[in-house]
């Protein structure tokens, strides 16, 4: 009887523990991404050189007046940017949208719309369930 209670408790706790670990990992990846972008902003401000952060998978997004960069995330995480993030010599950033992906699954969509390069998580909206058509 005791073993059955322990088994039921484990069956209840294990899925929520897994979700909490996934959520903690996704937040750690987000903060690492934000830290690396902030480091690039400080570098552009310190050196007076424009930088461009690009989507590593897109390729070919060069700029004549900017040093092209990418950031590295832990495996199997990666990011996409649309458009590339331009960082001016003074550290001001262009608006962009980023997706953080775990494998091929988009975990977070981030928006940077202000000049200080801070990314905010875009709220995802879930469509309400459709009601069956009445005849």
C-alpha atoms as a PDB file:
ATOM      1  CA  UNK A   1       0.000   0.000   0.000  1.00  0.00           C
ATOM      2  CA  UNK A   2       2.830   2.389   0.891  1.00  0.00           C
ATOM      3  CA  UNK A   3       4.592   1.641  -2.381  1.00  0.00           C
ATOM      4  CA  UNK A   4       1.405   2.375  -4.303  1.00  0.00           C
ATOM      5  CA  UNK A   5       1.114   5.761  -2.562  1.00  0.00           C
ATOM      6  CA  UNK A   6       4.751   6.570  -3.376  1.00  0.00           C
ATOM      7  CA  UNK A   7       4.217   5.552  -7.006  1.00  0.00           C
ATOM      8  CA  UNK A   8       1.133   7.764  -7.316  1.00  0.00           C
ATOM      9  CA  UNK A   9       2.948  10.694  -5.693  1.00  0.00           C
ATOM     10  CA  UNK A  10       5.891  10.252  -8.072  1.00  0.00           C
ATOM     11  CA  UNK A  11       3.523  10.100 -11.059  1.00  0.00           C
ATOM     12  CA  UNK A  12       2.038  13.425  -9.994  1.00  0.00           C
ATOM     13  CA  UNK A  13       5.288  15.196  -9.108  1.00  0.00           C
ATOM     14  CA  UNK A  14       7.570  14.063 -11.952  1.00  0.00           C
ATOM     15  CA  UNK A  15       5.794  15.818 -14.860  1.00  0.00           C
ATOM     16  CA  UNK A  16       5.617  19.139 -13.017  1.00  0.00           C
ATOM     17  CA  UNK A  17       9.284  18.824 -12.008  1.00  0.00           C
ATOM     18  CA  UNK A  18      10.221  18.266 -15.646  1.00  0.00           C
ATOM     19  CA  UNK A  19       8.241  21.349 -16.720  1.00  0.00           C
ATOM     20  CA  UNK A  20       9.908  23.432 -14.008  1.00  0.00           C
ATOM     21  CA  UNK A  21      13.353  22.299 -15.178  1.00  0.00           C
ATOM     22  CA  UNK A  22      12.492  23.113 -18.816  1.00  0.00           C
ATOM     23  CA  UNK A  23      11.225  26.542 -17.784  1.00  0.00           C
ATOM     24  CA  UNK A  24      14.336  27.240 -15.681  1.00  0.00           C
ATOM     25  CA  UNK A  25      16.576  26.221 -18.590  1.00  0.00           C
ATOM     26  CA  UNK A  26      14.694  28.427 -21.066  1.00  0.00           C
ATOM     27  CA  UNK A  27      15.004  31.418 -18.718  1.00  0.00           C
ATOM     28  CA  UNK A  28      18.736  30.750 -18.275  1.00  0.00           C
ATOM     29  CA  UNK A  29      19.171  30.682 -22.067  1.00  0.00           C
ATOM     30  CA  UNK A  30      17.195  33.939 -22.383  1.00  0.00           C
ATOM     31  CA  UNK A  31      19.345  35.675 -19.758  1.00  0.00           C
ATOM     32  CA  UNK A  32      22.532  34.388 -21.431  1.00  0.00           C
ATOM     33  CA  UNK A  33      21.313  35.696 -24.817  1.00  0.00           C
ATOM     34  CA  UNK A  34      20.450  39.089 -23.251  1.00  0.00           C
ATOM     35  CA  UNK A  35      23.857  39.246 -21.502  1.00  0.00           C
ATOM     36  CA  UNK A  36      25.741  38.573 -24.738  1.00  0.00           C
ATOM     37  CA  UNK A  37      23.741  41.251 -26.596  1.00  0.00           C
ATOM     38  CA  UNK A  38      24.466  43.708 -23.754  1.00  0.00           C
ATOM     39  CA  UNK A  39      28.174  42.842 -24.007  1.00  0.00           C
ATOM     40  CA  UNK A  40      28.071  43.642 -27.751  1.00  0.00           C
ATOM     41  CA  UNK A  41      26.327  46.944 -27.009  1.00  0.00           C
ATOM     42  CA  UNK A  42      29.026  47.888 -24.484  1.00  0.00           C
ATOM     43  CA  UNK A  43      31.714  46.924 -27.001  1.00  0.00           C
ATOM     44  CA  UNK A  44      30.148  49.135 -29.695  1.00  0.00           C
ATOM     45  CA  UNK A  45      29.951  52.007 -27.232  1.00  0.00           C
ATOM     46  CA  UNK A  46      33.536  51.521 -26.005  1.00  0.00           C
ATOM     47  CA  UNK A  47      35.158  51.079 -29.439  1.00  0.00           C
ATOM     48  CA  UNK A  48      32.972  53.460 -31.457  1.00  0.00           C
ATOM     49  CA  UNK A  49      32.496  50.679 -34.044  1.00  0.00           C
ATOM     50  CA  UNK A  50      29.060  49.670 -35.320  1.00  0.00           C
ATOM     51  CA  UNK A  51      28.176  45.995 -34.825  1.00  0.00           C
ATOM     52  CA  UNK A  52      25.570  43.815 -36.456  1.00  0.00           C
ATOM     53  CA  UNK A  53      24.192  40.730 -34.715  1.00  0.00           C
ATOM     54  CA  UNK A  54      22.928  38.279 -37.321  1.00  0.00           C
ATOM     55  CA  UNK A  55      20.992  35.059 -37.397  1.00  0.00           C
ATOM     56  CA  UNK A  56      23.738  32.428 -37.754  1.00  0.00           C
ATOM     57  CA  UNK A  57      21.572  30.273 -40.043  1.00  0.00           C
ATOM     58  CA  UNK A  58      20.596  33.138 -42.389  1.00  0.00           C
ATOM     59  CA  UNK A  59      24.109  33.987 -43.576  1.00  0.00           C
ATOM     60  CA  UNK A  60      24.929  36.666 -46.094  1.00  0.00           C
ATOM     61  CA  UNK A  61      23.728  39.563 -43.932  1.00  0.00           C
ATOM     62  CA  UNK A  62      26.816  41.710 -44.175  1.00  0.00           C
ATOM     63  CA  UNK A  63      27.106  45.432 -43.679  1.00  0.00           C
ATOM     64  CA  UNK A  64      29.920  47.532 -45.085  1.00  0.00           C
ATOM     65  CA  UNK A  65      30.092  49.761 -42.010  1.00  0.00           C
ATOM     66  CA  UNK A  66      29.477  47.135 -39.287  1.00  0.00           C
ATOM     67  CA  UNK A  67      31.384  44.258 -37.740  1.00  0.00           C
ATOM     68  CA  UNK A  68      29.123  41.179 -38.145  1.00  0.00           C
ATOM     69  CA  UNK A  69      28.712  39.004 -35.054  1.00  0.00           C
ATOM     70  CA  UNK A  70      26.756  36.045 -33.710  1.00  0.00           C
ATOM     71  CA  UNK A  71      26.220  34.823 -30.166  1.00  0.00           C
ATOM     72  CA  UNK A  72      26.602  31.263 -28.912  1.00  0.00           C
ATOM     73  CA  UNK A  73      23.918  29.475 -26.917  1.00  0.00           C
ATOM     74  CA  UNK A  74      24.174  26.139 -25.129  1.00  0.00           C
ATOM     75  CA  UNK A  75      23.354  23.023 -27.151  1.00  0.00           C
ATOM     76  CA  UNK A  76      20.748  22.298 -28.528  1.00  0.00           C
ATOM     77  CA  UNK A  77      19.542  25.919 -28.263  1.00  0.00           C
ATOM     78  CA  UNK A  78      19.809  28.428 -31.102  1.00  0.00           C
ATOM     79  CA  UNK A  79      18.270  31.733 -32.101  1.00  0.00           C
ATOM     80  CA  UNK A  80      16.850  33.451 -35.154  1.00  0.00           C
ATOM     81  CA  UNK A  81      16.689  37.203 -35.776  1.00  0.00           C
ATOM     82  CA  UNK A  82      14.499  39.127 -38.190  1.00  0.00           C
ATOM     83  CA  UNK A  83      15.876  41.599 -39.153  1.00  0.00           C
ATOM     84  CA  UNK A  84      19.505  41.607 -38.011  1.00  0.00           C
ATOM     85  CA  UNK A  85      20.184  43.678 -34.880  1.00  0.00           C
ATOM     86  CA  UNK A  86      22.238  46.765 -35.763  1.00  0.00           C
ATOM     87  CA  UNK A  87      24.140  48.314 -32.870  1.00  0.00           C
ATOM     88  CA  UNK A  88      25.306  51.879 -33.521  1.00  0.00           C
ATOM     89  CA  UNK A  89      28.754  53.105 -32.407  1.00  0.00           C
ATOM     90  CA  UNK A  90      27.122  54.812 -29.400  1.00  0.00           C
ATOM     91  CA  UNK A  91      25.373  51.583 -28.380  1.00  0.00           C
ATOM     92  CA  UNK A  92      21.852  52.295 -29.685  1.00  0.00           C
ATOM     93  CA  UNK A  93      20.089  49.260 -31.143  1.00  0.00           C
ATOM     94  CA  UNK A  94      17.659  48.832 -34.013  1.00  0.00           C
ATOM     95  CA  UNK A  95      14.328  47.107 -33.426  1.00  0.00           C
ATOM     96  CA  UNK A  96      14.247  43.364 -34.069  1.00  0.00           C
ATOM     97  CA  UNK A  97      12.451  40.157 -33.225  1.00  0.00           C
ATOM     98  CA  UNK A  98      14.283  37.080 -31.971  1.00  0.00           C
ATOM     99  CA  UNK A  99      13.152  33.500 -31.488  1.00  0.00           C
ATOM    100  CA  UNK A 100      14.882  31.213 -29.015  1.00  0.00           C
ATOM    101  CA  UNK A 101      14.634  27.628 -30.210  1.00  0.00           C
ATOM    102  CA  UNK A 102      15.312  24.371 -28.420  1.00  0.00           C
ATOM    103  CA  UNK A 103      16.072  22.080 -31.314  1.00  0.00           C
ATOM    104  CA  UNK A 104      13.387  22.992 -33.848  1.00  0.00           C
ATOM    105  CA  UNK A 105      10.772  24.144 -31.311  1.00  0.00           C
ATOM    106  CA  UNK A 106      10.306  27.888 -30.727  1.00  0.00           C
ATOM    107  CA  UNK A 107      10.317  28.338 -26.952  1.00  0.00           C
ATOM    108  CA  UNK A 108      10.319  32.153 -26.745  1.00  0.00           C
ATOM    109  CA  UNK A 109       9.687  35.029 -29.091  1.00  0.00           C
ATOM    110  CA  UNK A 110      11.488  38.197 -28.019  1.00  0.00           C
ATOM    111  CA  UNK A 111      11.070  41.785 -29.173  1.00  0.00           C
ATOM    112  CA  UNK A 112      13.595  44.595 -28.870  1.00  0.00           C
ATOM    113  CA  UNK A 113      12.004  47.901 -29.799  1.00  0.00           C
ATOM    114  CA  UNK A 114      13.987  50.408 -27.764  1.00  0.00           C
ATOM    115  CA  UNK A 115      17.503  51.668 -28.282  1.00  0.00           C
ATOM    116  CA  UNK A 116      18.917  50.045 -25.123  1.00  0.00           C
ATOM    117  CA  UNK A 117      18.862  46.506 -26.622  1.00  0.00           C
ATOM    118  CA  UNK A 118      16.596  45.025 -23.953  1.00  0.00           C
ATOM    119  CA  UNK A 119      14.572  42.095 -25.144  1.00  0.00           C
ATOM    120  CA  UNK A 120      11.100  41.449 -23.809  1.00  0.00           C
ATOM    121  CA  UNK A 121       9.170  38.234 -24.167  1.00  0.00           C
ATOM    122  CA  UNK A 122       6.299  38.620 -26.588  1.00  0.00           C
ATOM    123  CA  UNK A 123       3.027  37.452 -25.122  1.00  0.00           C
ATOM    124  CA  UNK A 124       1.610  34.542 -26.982  1.00  0.00           C
ATOM    125  CA  UNK A 125      -2.081  34.541 -27.602  1.00  0.00           C
ATOM    126  CA  UNK A 126      -4.062  31.377 -27.740  1.00  0.00           C
ATOM    127  CA  UNK A 127      -7.095  31.426 -29.970  1.00  0.00           C
ATOM    128  CA  UNK A 128     -10.299  30.505 -28.178  1.00  0.00           C
ATOM    129  CA  UNK A 129     -11.725  27.123 -29.112  1.00  0.00           C
ATOM    130  CA  UNK A 130     -14.075  27.234 -32.050  1.00  0.00           C
ATOM    131  CA  UNK A 131     -17.674  26.409 -31.373  1.00  0.00           C
ATOM    132  CA  UNK A 132     -19.259  23.827 -33.644  1.00  0.00           C
ATOM    133  CA  UNK A 133     -21.391  25.342 -36.363  1.00  0.00           C
ATOM    134  CA  UNK A 134     -25.091  25.117 -35.642  1.00  0.00           C
ATOM    135  CA  UNK A 135     -27.408  23.922 -38.363  1.00  0.00           C
END
